[in-house]
PDB file of N, CA and C in Angstrom:
ATOM      1  N   MET A   1       0.960  -1.174   0.210  1.00  0.00           N
ATOM      2  CA  MET A   1      -0.074   0.043  -0.140  1.00  0.00           C
ATOM      3  C   MET A   1       0.916   1.446   0.131  1.00  0.00           C
ATOM      4  N   GLU A   2       0.550   2.397  -0.863  1.00  0.00           N
ATOM      5  CA  GLU A   2       0.835   3.451  -0.650  1.00  0.00           C
ATOM      6  C   GLU A   2       0.276   4.834  -0.558  1.00  0.00           C
ATOM      7  N   ILE A   3       0.674   5.811   0.150  1.00  0.00           N
ATOM      8  CA  ILE A   3      -0.402   6.874   0.222  1.00  0.00           C
ATOM      9  C   ILE A   3       0.500   8.144   0.024  1.00  0.00           C
ATOM     10  N   VAL A   4      -0.004   8.879  -1.005  1.00  0.00           N
ATOM     11  CA  VAL A   4       0.533  10.112  -1.454  1.00  0.00           C
ATOM     12  C   VAL A   4      -0.430  11.169  -1.262  1.00  0.00           C
ATOM     13  N   SER A   5      -0.209  12.467  -0.507  1.00  0.00           N
ATOM     14  CA  SER A   5      -1.020  13.341  -0.312  1.00  0.00           C
ATOM     15  C   SER A   5      -0.596  14.437  -0.966  1.00  0.00           C
ATOM     16  N   GLY A   6      -1.275  15.545  -1.463  1.00  0.00           N
ATOM     17  CA  GLY A   6      -0.942  16.769  -1.873  1.00  0.00           C
ATOM     18  C   GLY A   6      -2.154  17.730  -1.738  1.00  0.00           C
ATOM     19  N   PRO A   7      -1.969  18.854  -1.679  1.00  0.00           N
ATOM     20  CA  PRO A   7      -2.926  20.139  -1.640  1.00  0.00           C
ATOM     21  C   PRO A   7      -3.698  19.943  -2.838  1.00  0.00           C
ATOM     22  N   ILE A   8      -4.905  20.793  -2.756  1.00  0.00           N
ATOM     23  CA  ILE A   8      -5.741  20.978  -3.662  1.00  0.00           C
ATOM     24  C   ILE A   8      -6.080  22.304  -4.079  1.00  0.00           C
ATOM     25  N   ASP A   9      -5.723  22.793  -5.214  1.00  0.00           N
ATOM     26  CA  ASP A   9      -5.823  24.375  -5.511  1.00  0.00           C
ATOM     27  C   ASP A   9      -7.165  24.876  -5.241  1.00  0.00           C
ATOM     28  N   GLY A  10      -6.925  25.970  -4.450  1.00  0.00           N
ATOM     29  CA  GLY A  10      -8.221  26.761  -4.143  1.00  0.00           C
ATOM     30  C   GLY A  10      -8.715  26.277  -2.540  1.00  0.00           C
ATOM     31  N   HIS A  11      -8.308  25.397  -2.191  1.00  0.00           N
ATOM     32  CA  HIS A  11      -8.832  24.842  -0.916  1.00  0.00           C
ATOM     33  C   HIS A  11      -7.573  24.539  -0.032  1.00  0.00           C
ATOM     34  N   PRO A  12      -7.137  25.464   0.912  1.00  0.00           N
ATOM     35  CA  PRO A  12      -6.094  25.363   1.771  1.00  0.00           C
ATOM     36  C   PRO A  12      -6.373  24.411   2.857  1.00  0.00           C
ATOM     37  N   ASP A  13      -7.821  24.063   2.800  1.00  0.00           N
ATOM     38  CA  ASP A  13      -7.824  23.278   4.210  1.00  0.00           C
ATOM     39  C   ASP A  13      -8.432  21.710   3.838  1.00  0.00           C
ATOM     40  N   ALA A  14      -7.963  21.579   2.637  1.00  0.00           N
ATOM     41  CA  ALA A  14      -7.977  20.187   2.032  1.00  0.00           C
ATOM     42  C   ALA A  14      -6.790  19.733   1.452  1.00  0.00           C
ATOM     43  N   LEU A  15      -7.103  18.121   1.349  1.00  0.00           N
ATOM     44  CA  LEU A  15      -5.603  17.499   1.109  1.00  0.00           C
ATOM     45  C   LEU A  15      -6.524  16.319  -0.083  1.00  0.00           C
ATOM     46  N   LEU A  16      -5.835  16.120  -1.118  1.00  0.00           N
ATOM     47  CA  LEU A  16      -5.916  14.743  -1.942  1.00  0.00           C
ATOM     48  C   LEU A  16      -4.965  13.915  -1.674  1.00  0.00           C
ATOM     49  N   VAL A  17      -5.665  12.642  -1.169  1.00  0.00           N
ATOM     50  CA  VAL A  17      -4.920  11.316  -0.655  1.00  0.00           C
ATOM     51  C   VAL A  17      -5.142  10.231  -1.653  1.00  0.00           C
ATOM     52  N   LYS A  18      -4.201   9.992  -2.579  1.00  0.00           N
ATOM     53  CA  LYS A  18      -4.108   8.994  -3.511  1.00  0.00           C
ATOM     54  C   LYS A  18      -3.544   7.828  -2.799  1.00  0.00           C
ATOM     55  N   VAL A  19      -4.407   6.594  -2.752  1.00  0.00           N
ATOM     56  CA  VAL A  19      -4.308   5.158  -2.096  1.00  0.00           C
ATOM     57  C   VAL A  19      -4.033   4.202  -3.176  1.00  0.00           C
ATOM     58  N   THR A  20      -2.807   3.415  -3.084  1.00  0.00           N
ATOM     59  CA  THR A  20      -2.783   2.556  -4.223  1.00  0.00           C
ATOM     60  C   THR A  20      -2.320   1.165  -3.403  1.00  0.00           C
ATOM     61  N   GLY A  21      -2.695  -0.086  -3.948  1.00  0.00           N
ATOM     62  CA  GLY A  21      -2.416  -1.423  -3.703  1.00  0.00           C
ATOM     63  C   GLY A  21      -3.613  -2.062  -2.601  1.00  0.00           C
ATOM     64  N   GLU A  22      -2.993  -2.939  -1.683  1.00  0.00           N
ATOM     65  CA  GLU A  22      -3.740  -3.410  -0.598  1.00  0.00           C
ATOM     66  C   GLU A  22      -3.918  -3.030   0.492  1.00  0.00           C
ATOM     67  N   VAL A  23      -5.106  -2.623   1.128  1.00  0.00           N
ATOM     68  CA  VAL A  23      -5.064  -2.180   2.690  1.00  0.00           C
ATOM     69  C   VAL A  23      -5.630  -3.643   3.506  1.00  0.00           C
ATOM     70  N   ASP A  24      -4.743  -4.103   3.874  1.00  0.00           N
ATOM     71  CA  ASP A  24      -5.117  -5.572   4.464  1.00  0.00           C
ATOM     72  C   ASP A  24      -4.550  -5.521   6.034  1.00  0.00           C
ATOM     73  N   SER A  25      -4.655  -6.402   6.835  1.00  0.00           N
ATOM     74  CA  SER A  25      -4.025  -6.717   8.105  1.00  0.00           C
ATOM     75  C   SER A  25      -2.517  -6.046   8.478  1.00  0.00           C
ATOM     76  N   THR A  26      -1.755  -6.241   7.384  1.00  0.00           N
ATOM     77  CA  THR A  26      -0.463  -5.948   7.624  1.00  0.00           C
ATOM     78  C   THR A  26      -0.159  -4.406   7.003  1.00  0.00           C
ATOM     79  N   THR A  27      -1.174  -3.561   6.502  1.00  0.00           N
ATOM     80  CA  THR A  27      -1.211  -2.210   6.200  1.00  0.00           C
ATOM     81  C   THR A  27      -2.124  -1.495   6.853  1.00  0.00           C
ATOM     82  N   SER A  28      -3.427  -2.052   7.559  1.00  0.00           N
ATOM     83  CA  SER A  28      -4.318  -1.055   7.803  1.00  0.00           C
ATOM     84  C   SER A  28      -3.890  -0.083   9.012  1.00  0.00           C
ATOM     85  N   GLU A  29      -3.145  -0.681   9.775  1.00  0.00           N
ATOM     86  CA  GLU A  29      -2.770  -0.079  11.142  1.00  0.00           C
ATOM     87  C   GLU A  29      -2.077   1.590  10.696  1.00  0.00           C
ATOM     88  N   ARG A  30      -1.088   1.187   9.719  1.00  0.00           N
ATOM     89  CA  ARG A  30      -0.486   2.570   9.147  1.00  0.00           C
ATOM     90  C   ARG A  30      -1.423   3.513   8.377  1.00  0.00           C
ATOM     91  N   PHE A  31      -2.220   2.666   7.627  1.00  0.00           N
ATOM     92  CA  PHE A  31      -3.468   3.462   6.939  1.00  0.00           C
ATOM     93  C   PHE A  31      -3.874   4.463   7.521  1.00  0.00           C
ATOM     94  N   ARG A  32      -4.664   3.706   8.968  1.00  0.00           N
ATOM     95  CA  ARG A  32      -5.373   4.423   9.954  1.00  0.00           C
ATOM     96  C   ARG A  32      -4.521   5.607  10.302  1.00  0.00           C
ATOM     97  N   GLU A  33      -3.235   5.241  10.793  1.00  0.00           N
ATOM     98  CA  GLU A  33      -2.573   6.514  11.574  1.00  0.00           C
ATOM     99  C   GLU A  33      -2.218   7.679  10.590  1.00  0.00           C
ATOM    100  N   GLU A  34      -1.702   7.238   9.221  1.00  0.00           N
ATOM    101  CA  GLU A  34      -1.368   8.328   8.389  1.00  0.00           C
ATOM    102  C   GLU A  34      -2.982   9.022   8.214  1.00  0.00           C
ATOM    103  N   LEU A  35      -3.738   8.527   7.849  1.00  0.00           N
ATOM    104  CA  LEU A  35      -5.216   9.133   7.543  1.00  0.00           C
ATOM    105  C   LEU A  35      -5.379  10.114   8.643  1.00  0.00           C
ATOM    106  N   VAL A  36      -5.359   9.474   9.842  1.00  0.00           N
ATOM    107  CA  VAL A  36      -5.953  10.596  11.110  1.00  0.00           C
ATOM    108  C   VAL A  36      -4.808  11.519  11.209  1.00  0.00           C
ATOM    109  N   ALA A  37      -3.509  11.505  11.257  1.00  0.00           N
ATOM    110  CA  ALA A  37      -2.615  12.292  11.324  1.00  0.00           C
ATOM    111  C   ALA A  37      -2.537  13.250  10.432  1.00  0.00           C
ATOM    112  N   LEU A  38      -3.082  13.285   8.957  1.00  0.00           N
ATOM    113  CA  LEU A  38      -3.405  14.212   7.942  1.00  0.00           C
ATOM    114  C   LEU A  38      -4.431  15.329   8.504  1.00  0.00           C
ATOM    115  N   VAL A  39      -5.433  14.925   9.551  1.00  0.00           N
ATOM    116  CA  VAL A  39      -6.354  15.861   9.710  1.00  0.00           C
ATOM    117  C   VAL A  39      -6.209  16.689  10.698  1.00  0.00           C
ATOM    118  N   SER A  40      -5.988  17.994  10.603  1.00  0.00           N
ATOM    119  CA  SER A  40      -5.758  18.961  11.903  1.00  0.00           C
ATOM    120  C   SER A  40      -7.061  20.035  11.525  1.00  0.00           C
ATOM    121  N   GLU A  41      -6.430  20.883  12.631  1.00  0.00           N
ATOM    122  CA  GLU A  41      -7.393  22.231  12.489  1.00  0.00           C
ATOM    123  C   GLU A  41      -7.258  22.797  11.172  1.00  0.00           C
ATOM    124  N   ASP A  42      -5.786  22.877  10.689  1.00  0.00           N
ATOM    125  CA  ASP A  42      -5.779  23.473   9.137  1.00  0.00           C
ATOM    126  C   ASP A  42      -6.088  22.608   8.163  1.00  0.00           C
ATOM    127  N   VAL A  43      -5.736  21.411   8.164  1.00  0.00           N
ATOM    128  CA  VAL A  43      -6.662  20.609   7.077  1.00  0.00           C
ATOM    129  C   VAL A  43      -7.784  19.808   7.583  1.00  0.00           C
ATOM    130  N   ARG A  44      -8.986  20.175   6.981  1.00  0.00           N
ATOM    131  CA  ARG A  44     -10.050  19.585   7.949  1.00  0.00           C
ATOM    132  C   ARG A  44     -10.881  18.611   6.616  1.00  0.00           C
ATOM    133  N   HIS A  45     -10.353  18.653   5.682  1.00  0.00           N
ATOM    134  CA  HIS A  45     -10.954  17.969   4.655  1.00  0.00           C
ATOM    135  C   HIS A  45     -10.076  17.148   4.038  1.00  0.00           C
ATOM    136  N   LEU A  46     -10.564  15.733   3.833  1.00  0.00           N
ATOM    137  CA  LEU A  46      -9.348  14.713   2.861  1.00  0.00           C
ATOM    138  C   LEU A  46     -10.392  14.160   1.881  1.00  0.00           C
ATOM    139  N   ILE A  47      -9.846  13.945   0.728  1.00  0.00           N
ATOM    140  CA  ILE A  47     -10.382  13.454  -0.506  1.00  0.00           C
ATOM    141  C   ILE A  47      -9.690  12.092  -0.699  1.00  0.00           C
ATOM    142  N   LEU A  48      -9.965  10.834  -0.716  1.00  0.00           N
ATOM    143  CA  LEU A  48      -9.448   9.818  -0.860  1.00  0.00           C
ATOM    144  C   LEU A  48      -9.642   9.306  -2.449  1.00  0.00           C
ATOM    145  N   ASP A  49      -8.718   9.235  -2.889  1.00  0.00           N
ATOM    146  CA  ASP A  49      -8.875   8.632  -4.431  1.00  0.00           C
ATOM    147  C   ASP A  49      -8.409   6.917  -4.406  1.00  0.00           C
ATOM    148  N   PHE A  50      -9.732   6.335  -4.491  1.00  0.00           N
ATOM    149  CA  PHE A  50      -9.507   4.955  -4.338  1.00  0.00           C
ATOM    150  C   PHE A  50      -9.504   4.149  -5.676  1.00  0.00           C
ATOM    151  N   GLY A  51      -9.254   4.742  -6.614  1.00  0.00           N
ATOM    152  CA  GLY A  51      -9.053   4.232  -7.908  1.00  0.00           C
ATOM    153  C   GLY A  51      -8.215   3.003  -8.181  1.00  0.00           C
ATOM    154  N   ASP A  52      -7.059   3.190  -7.478  1.00  0.00           N
ATOM    155  CA  ASP A  52      -6.144   2.239  -7.739  1.00  0.00           C
ATOM    156  C   ASP A  52      -5.851   1.262  -6.551  1.00  0.00           C
ATOM    157  N   VAL A  53      -6.921   1.255  -5.596  1.00  0.00           N
ATOM    158  CA  VAL A  53      -6.873   0.244  -4.460  1.00  0.00           C
ATOM    159  C   VAL A  53      -7.369  -1.022  -4.910  1.00  0.00           C
ATOM    160  N   THR A  54      -6.440  -2.066  -4.972  1.00  0.00           N
ATOM    161  CA  THR A  54      -7.136  -3.367  -5.396  1.00  0.00           C
ATOM    162  C   THR A  54      -7.794  -4.139  -4.370  1.00  0.00           C
ATOM    163  N   TYR A  55      -7.502  -3.979  -2.951  1.00  0.00           N
ATOM    164  CA  TYR A  55      -8.278  -4.928  -1.931  1.00  0.00           C
ATOM    165  C   TYR A  55      -8.357  -4.090  -0.763  1.00  0.00           C
ATOM    166  N   ILE A  56      -9.404  -4.217   0.075  1.00  0.00           N
ATOM    167  CA  ILE A  56      -9.502  -3.687   1.460  1.00  0.00           C
ATOM    168  C   ILE A  56     -10.416  -4.765   2.500  1.00  0.00           C
ATOM    169  N   ASN A  57      -9.675  -4.795   3.577  1.00  0.00           N
ATOM    170  CA  ASN A  57     -10.303  -5.778   4.498  1.00  0.00           C
ATOM    171  C   ASN A  57     -11.073  -4.969   5.617  1.00  0.00           C
ATOM    172  N   SER A  58     -11.794  -5.741   6.891  1.00  0.00           N
ATOM    173  CA  SER A  58     -12.582  -4.979   7.565  1.00  0.00           C
ATOM    174  C   SER A  58     -11.736  -3.996   8.461  1.00  0.00           C
ATOM    175  N   SER A  59     -10.414  -4.365   8.475  1.00  0.00           N
ATOM    176  CA  SER A  59      -9.550  -3.375   9.415  1.00  0.00           C
ATOM    177  C   SER A  59      -9.229  -2.241   8.707  1.00  0.00           C
ATOM    178  N   GLY A  60      -9.278  -2.049   7.343  1.00  0.00           N
ATOM    179  CA  GLY A  60      -8.878  -1.117   6.263  1.00  0.00           C
ATOM    180  C   GLY A  60     -10.313  -0.205   6.574  1.00  0.00           C
ATOM    181  N   LEU A  61     -11.397  -0.723   6.280  1.00  0.00           N
ATOM    182  CA  LEU A  61     -12.685  -0.474   6.528  1.00  0.00           C
ATOM    183  C   LEU A  61     -12.867   0.594   7.755  1.00  0.00           C
ATOM    184  N   GLY A  62     -12.460  -0.090   8.915  1.00  0.00           N
ATOM    185  CA  GLY A  62     -12.523   0.503  10.338  1.00  0.00           C
ATOM    186  C   GLY A  62     -11.492   1.704  10.302  1.00  0.00           C
ATOM    187  N   ALA A  63     -10.210   1.707   9.457  1.00  0.00           N
ATOM    188  CA  ALA A  63      -9.279   2.905   9.445  1.00  0.00           C
ATOM    189  C   ALA A  63     -10.190   4.004   8.950  1.00  0.00           C
ATOM    190  N   LEU A  64     -11.074   3.652   7.879  1.00  0.00           N
ATOM    191  CA  LEU A  64     -11.891   4.775   7.175  1.00  0.00           C
ATOM    192  C   LEU A  64     -12.561   5.432   8.223  1.00  0.00           C
ATOM    193  N   VAL A  65     -13.430   4.599   8.881  1.00  0.00           N
ATOM    194  CA  VAL A  65     -14.363   5.016  10.099  1.00  0.00           C
ATOM    195  C   VAL A  65     -13.442   6.038  11.030  1.00  0.00           C
ATOM    196  N   ALA A  66     -12.370   5.521  11.319  1.00  0.00           N
ATOM    197  CA  ALA A  66     -11.507   6.149  12.284  1.00  0.00           C
ATOM    198  C   ALA A  66     -11.154   7.812  11.772  1.00  0.00           C
ATOM    199  N   ALA A  67     -10.714   7.765  10.326  1.00  0.00           N
ATOM    200  CA  ALA A  67     -10.479   9.081   9.615  1.00  0.00           C
ATOM    201  C   ALA A  67     -11.620   9.907   9.523  1.00  0.00           C
ATOM    202  N   TYR A  68     -12.828   9.038   9.169  1.00  0.00           N
ATOM    203  CA  TYR A  68     -14.145   9.764   9.219  1.00  0.00           C
ATOM    204  C   TYR A  68     -14.244  10.560  10.428  1.00  0.00           C
ATOM    205  N   LYS A  69     -14.290  10.076  11.466  1.00  0.00           N
ATOM    206  CA  LYS A  69     -14.670  10.665  12.774  1.00  0.00           C
ATOM    207  C   LYS A  69     -13.684  11.520  13.257  1.00  0.00           C
ATOM    208  N   ARG A  70     -12.419  11.616  12.897  1.00  0.00           N
ATOM    209  CA  ARG A  70     -11.466  12.709  13.045  1.00  0.00           C
ATOM    210  C   ARG A  70     -11.712  13.843  12.347  1.00  0.00           C
ATOM    211  N   ALA A  71     -11.986  13.783  11.062  1.00  0.00           N
ATOM    212  CA  ALA A  71     -12.309  14.759  10.121  1.00  0.00           C
ATOM    213  C   ALA A  71     -13.716  15.458  10.835  1.00  0.00           C
ATOM    214  N   ARG A  72     -14.610  14.639  11.253  1.00  0.00           N
ATOM    215  CA  ARG A  72     -16.134  15.251  11.649  1.00  0.00           C
ATOM    216  C   ARG A  72     -15.425  15.966  13.033  1.00  0.00           C
ATOM    217  N   SER A  73     -14.595  15.567  13.870  1.00  0.00           N
ATOM    218  CA  SER A  73     -14.334  16.254  15.117  1.00  0.00           C
ATOM    219  C   SER A  73     -13.658  17.404  15.011  1.00  0.00           C
ATOM    220  N   VAL A  74     -13.398  17.975  13.815  1.00  0.00           N
ATOM    221  CA  VAL A  74     -12.670  19.278  13.503  1.00  0.00           C
ATOM    222  C   VAL A  74     -13.784  20.078  12.291  1.00  0.00           C
ATOM    223  N   ASP A  75     -14.980  19.586  12.435  1.00  0.00           N
ATOM    224  CA  ASP A  75     -15.960  19.891  11.266  1.00  0.00           C
ATOM    225  C   ASP A  75     -15.337  19.916  10.136  1.00  0.00           C
ATOM    226  N   GLY A  76     -14.842  18.863   9.516  1.00  0.00           N
ATOM    227  CA  GLY A  76     -14.288  18.519   8.402  1.00  0.00           C
ATOM    228  C   GLY A  76     -15.426  17.370   7.732  1.00  0.00           C
ATOM    229  N   SER A  77     -14.390  17.008   6.893  1.00  0.00           N
ATOM    230  CA  SER A  77     -15.102  15.799   5.842  1.00  0.00           C
ATOM    231  C   SER A  77     -13.991  14.623   5.398  1.00  0.00           C
ATOM    232  N   LEU A  78     -14.567  13.699   5.251  1.00  0.00           N
ATOM    233  CA  LEU A  78     -13.838  12.684   4.593  1.00  0.00           C
ATOM    234  C   LEU A  78     -14.546  11.981   3.151  1.00  0.00           C
ATOM    235  N   ILE A  79     -14.103  12.038   1.983  1.00  0.00           N
ATOM    236  CA  ILE A  79     -14.487  12.108   0.874  1.00  0.00           C
ATOM    237  C   ILE A  79     -14.043  11.009   0.183  1.00  0.00           C
ATOM    238  N   LEU A  80     -14.644   9.886  -0.451  1.00  0.00           N
ATOM    239  CA  LEU A  80     -14.052   8.890  -1.290  1.00  0.00           C
ATOM    240  C   LEU A  80     -14.453   9.243  -2.656  1.00  0.00           C
ATOM    241  N   CYS A  81     -13.458   8.648  -3.627  1.00  0.00           N
ATOM    242  CA  CYS A  81     -13.950   8.796  -4.776  1.00  0.00           C
ATOM    243  C   CYS A  81     -13.297   7.749  -5.614  1.00  0.00           C
ATOM    244  N   ARG A  82     -13.458   7.538  -6.772  1.00  0.00           N
ATOM    245  CA  ARG A  82     -13.324   6.119  -7.607  1.00  0.00           C
ATOM    246  C   ARG A  82     -13.178   4.748  -7.001  1.00  0.00           C
ATOM    247  N   VAL A  83     -14.098   4.666  -6.163  1.00  0.00           N
ATOM    248  CA  VAL A  83     -14.053   3.439  -5.366  1.00  0.00           C
ATOM    249  C   VAL A  83     -14.962   2.356  -6.393  1.00  0.00           C
ATOM    250  N   ARG A  84     -14.259   1.099  -6.615  1.00  0.00           N
ATOM    251  CA  ARG A  84     -14.380   0.295  -7.589  1.00  0.00           C
ATOM    252  C   ARG A  84     -14.908  -1.110  -7.303  1.00  0.00           C
ATOM    253  N   GLY A  85     -15.477  -1.596  -8.196  1.00  0.00           N
ATOM    254  CA  GLY A  85     -15.601  -3.460  -8.112  1.00  0.00           C
ATOM    255  C   GLY A  85     -16.078  -3.663  -6.661  1.00  0.00           C
ATOM    256  N   THR A  86     -15.307  -4.819  -6.057  1.00  0.00           N
ATOM    257  CA  THR A  86     -15.809  -5.473  -4.810  1.00  0.00           C
ATOM    258  C   THR A  86     -15.746  -4.693  -3.792  1.00  0.00           C
ATOM    259  N   ILE A  87     -14.769  -3.533  -3.623  1.00  0.00           N
ATOM    260  CA  ILE A  87     -14.513  -2.631  -2.910  1.00  0.00           C
ATOM    261  C   ILE A  87     -16.167  -1.742  -2.542  1.00  0.00           C
ATOM    262  N   ALA A  88     -16.398  -1.262  -3.498  1.00  0.00           N
ATOM    263  CA  ALA A  88     -17.592  -0.614  -3.975  1.00  0.00           C
ATOM    264  C   ALA A  88     -18.887  -1.208  -3.315  1.00  0.00           C
ATOM    265  N   ALA A  89     -18.745  -2.453  -3.877  1.00  0.00           N
ATOM    266  CA  ALA A  89     -19.980  -3.502  -3.333  1.00  0.00           C
ATOM    267  C   ALA A  89     -19.854  -3.716  -1.872  1.00  0.00           C
ATOM    268  N   VAL A  90     -18.820  -4.016  -1.209  1.00  0.00           N
ATOM    269  CA  VAL A  90     -18.542  -4.369   0.317  1.00  0.00           C
ATOM    270  C   VAL A  90     -19.138  -3.093   1.184  1.00  0.00           C
ATOM    271  N   MET A  91     -18.650  -1.920   0.495  1.00  0.00           N
ATOM    272  CA  MET A  91     -19.051  -0.441   1.189  1.00  0.00           C
ATOM    273  C   MET A  91     -20.467  -0.525   1.123  1.00  0.00           C
ATOM    274  N   SER A  92     -20.962  -0.707   0.289  1.00  0.00           N
ATOM    275  CA  SER A  92     -22.579  -0.668  -0.069  1.00  0.00           C
ATOM    276  C   SER A  92     -23.270  -1.530   0.640  1.00  0.00           C
ATOM    277  N   LEU A  93     -22.848  -2.628   0.610  1.00  0.00           N
ATOM    278  CA  LEU A  93     -23.343  -3.812   1.656  1.00  0.00           C
ATOM    279  C   LEU A  93     -23.319  -3.865   3.048  1.00  0.00           C
ATOM    280  N   ILE A  94     -22.290  -2.826   3.668  1.00  0.00           N
ATOM    281  CA  ILE A  94     -22.225  -2.524   4.982  1.00  0.00           C
ATOM    282  C   ILE A  94     -22.846  -1.074   5.268  1.00  0.00           C
ATOM    283  N   ARG A  95     -22.986  -0.586   4.143  1.00  0.00           N
ATOM    284  CA  ARG A  95     -23.713   0.788   4.366  1.00  0.00           C
ATOM    285  C   ARG A  95     -22.662   2.103   4.588  1.00  0.00           C
ATOM    286  N   LEU A  96     -21.528   1.550   4.370  1.00  0.00           N
ATOM    287  CA  LEU A  96     -20.682   2.533   4.747  1.00  0.00           C
ATOM    288  C   LEU A  96     -20.514   3.786   3.833  1.00  0.00           C
ATOM    289  N   ASP A  97     -20.988   3.494   2.430  1.00  0.00           N
ATOM    290  CA  ASP A  97     -21.152   4.342   1.445  1.00  0.00           C
ATOM    291  C   ASP A  97     -22.225   5.351   1.847  1.00  0.00           C
ATOM    292  N   LYS A  98     -23.086   5.403   3.005  1.00  0.00           N
ATOM    293  CA  LYS A  98     -24.271   5.964   3.116  1.00  0.00           C
ATOM    294  C   LYS A  98     -23.671   7.170   4.356  1.00  0.00           C
ATOM    295  N   MET A  99     -22.509   6.446   5.010  1.00  0.00           N
ATOM    296  CA  MET A  99     -21.888   7.387   6.231  1.00  0.00           C
ATOM    297  C   MET A  99     -20.888   8.326   5.537  1.00  0.00           C
ATOM    298  N   ILE A 100     -20.106   7.682   4.777  1.00  0.00           N
ATOM    299  CA  ILE A 100     -19.191   8.450   4.082  1.00  0.00           C
ATOM    300  C   ILE A 100     -19.357   8.698   2.630  1.00  0.00           C
ATOM    301  N   ASP A 101     -19.117  10.299   2.310  1.00  0.00           N
ATOM    302  CA  ASP A 101     -19.612  10.735   1.149  1.00  0.00           C
ATOM    303  C   ASP A 101     -18.716  10.017  -0.075  1.00  0.00           C
ATOM    304  N   THR A 102     -19.229   9.295  -1.111  1.00  0.00           N
ATOM    305  CA  THR A 102     -18.666   8.756  -1.951  1.00  0.00           C
ATOM    306  C   THR A 102     -19.106   9.161  -3.409  1.00  0.00           C
ATOM    307  N   HIS A 103     -18.385   9.506  -4.330  1.00  0.00           N
ATOM    308  CA  HIS A 103     -18.245   9.940  -5.681  1.00  0.00           C
ATOM    309  C   HIS A 103     -17.643   9.071  -6.790  1.00  0.00           C
ATOM    310  N   ASP A 104     -18.131   9.081  -7.929  1.00  0.00           N
ATOM    311  CA  ASP A 104     -17.481   8.106  -9.003  1.00  0.00           C
ATOM    312  C   ASP A 104     -16.246   8.665  -9.663  1.00  0.00           C
ATOM    313  N   SER A 105     -16.199  10.096  -9.462  1.00  0.00           N
ATOM    314  CA  SER A 105     -15.024  10.719  -9.998  1.00  0.00           C
ATOM    315  C   SER A 105     -14.273  11.816  -9.080  1.00  0.00           C
ATOM    316  N   LEU A 106     -13.112  11.751  -9.621  1.00  0.00           N
ATOM    317  CA  LEU A 106     -12.529  12.863  -8.609  1.00  0.00           C
ATOM    318  C   LEU A 106     -12.869  14.388  -8.851  1.00  0.00           C
ATOM    319  N   GLU A 107     -13.296  14.573  -9.883  1.00  0.00           N
ATOM    320  CA  GLU A 107     -14.137  16.005 -10.322  1.00  0.00           C
ATOM    321  C   GLU A 107     -15.571  16.207  -9.245  1.00  0.00           C
ATOM    322  N   ALA A 108     -16.130  14.788  -9.377  1.00  0.00           N
ATOM    323  CA  ALA A 108     -17.213  15.244  -8.330  1.00  0.00           C
ATOM    324  C   ALA A 108     -17.106  15.456  -6.799  1.00  0.00           C
ATOM    325  N   ALA A 109     -16.017  14.609  -6.391  1.00  0.00           N
ATOM    326  CA  ALA A 109     -15.575  14.843  -5.045  1.00  0.00           C
ATOM    327  C   ALA A 109     -15.240  16.154  -4.910  1.00  0.00           C
ATOM    328  N   LEU A 110     -14.422  16.618  -5.966  1.00  0.00           N
ATOM    329  CA  LEU A 110     -13.644  18.055  -5.805  1.00  0.00           C
ATOM    330  C   LEU A 110     -14.983  19.379  -5.528  1.00  0.00           C
ATOM    331  N   ALA A 111     -16.127  19.035  -6.367  1.00  0.00           N
ATOM    332  CA  ALA A 111     -17.047  19.929  -6.556  1.00  0.00           C
ATOM    333  C   ALA A 111     -17.864  19.820  -5.094  1.00  0.00           C
ATOM    334  N   THR A 112     -17.690  19.009  -4.319  1.00  0.00           N
ATOM    335  CA  THR A 112     -18.443  18.851  -2.862  1.00  0.00           C
ATOM    336  C   THR A 112     -17.776  19.956  -1.786  1.00  0.00           C
ATOM    337  N   LEU A 113     -16.541  20.385  -2.298  1.00  0.00           N
ATOM    338  CA  LEU A 113     -15.741  21.287  -1.422  1.00  0.00           C
ATOM    339  C   LEU A 113     -15.925  22.799  -1.888  1.00  0.00           C
ATOM    340  N   ALA A 114     -16.443  22.982  -3.304  1.00  0.00           N
ATOM    341  CA  ALA A 114     -16.801  24.432  -3.506  1.00  0.00           C
ATOM    342  C   ALA A 114     -17.969  25.222  -2.729  1.00  0.00           C
TER     343      ALA A 114
END
């Protein structure tokens, strides 16, 4: 798993976080720690691009919930985009897509910050 984050033009309180690879039992704790650490009083919004995530287990889904709660604690948001295949199906099955704002494209996710 790899996480790369960067600023979003016009939104100084937001970061784009590109996640690639597998979020499993060996990477989920680091995933949670990194996401939670990115959220602060200055950075309240995270957009996670999941287009290149190939697998996520329950620990990884729990990490998303932890990051969501952290963002909400500073009046921010956690937004997912490009969630595909079985990952999207599992998120829908457990209704995580109802809690965490999810979009088909990066453009649609960015539009929610406007």
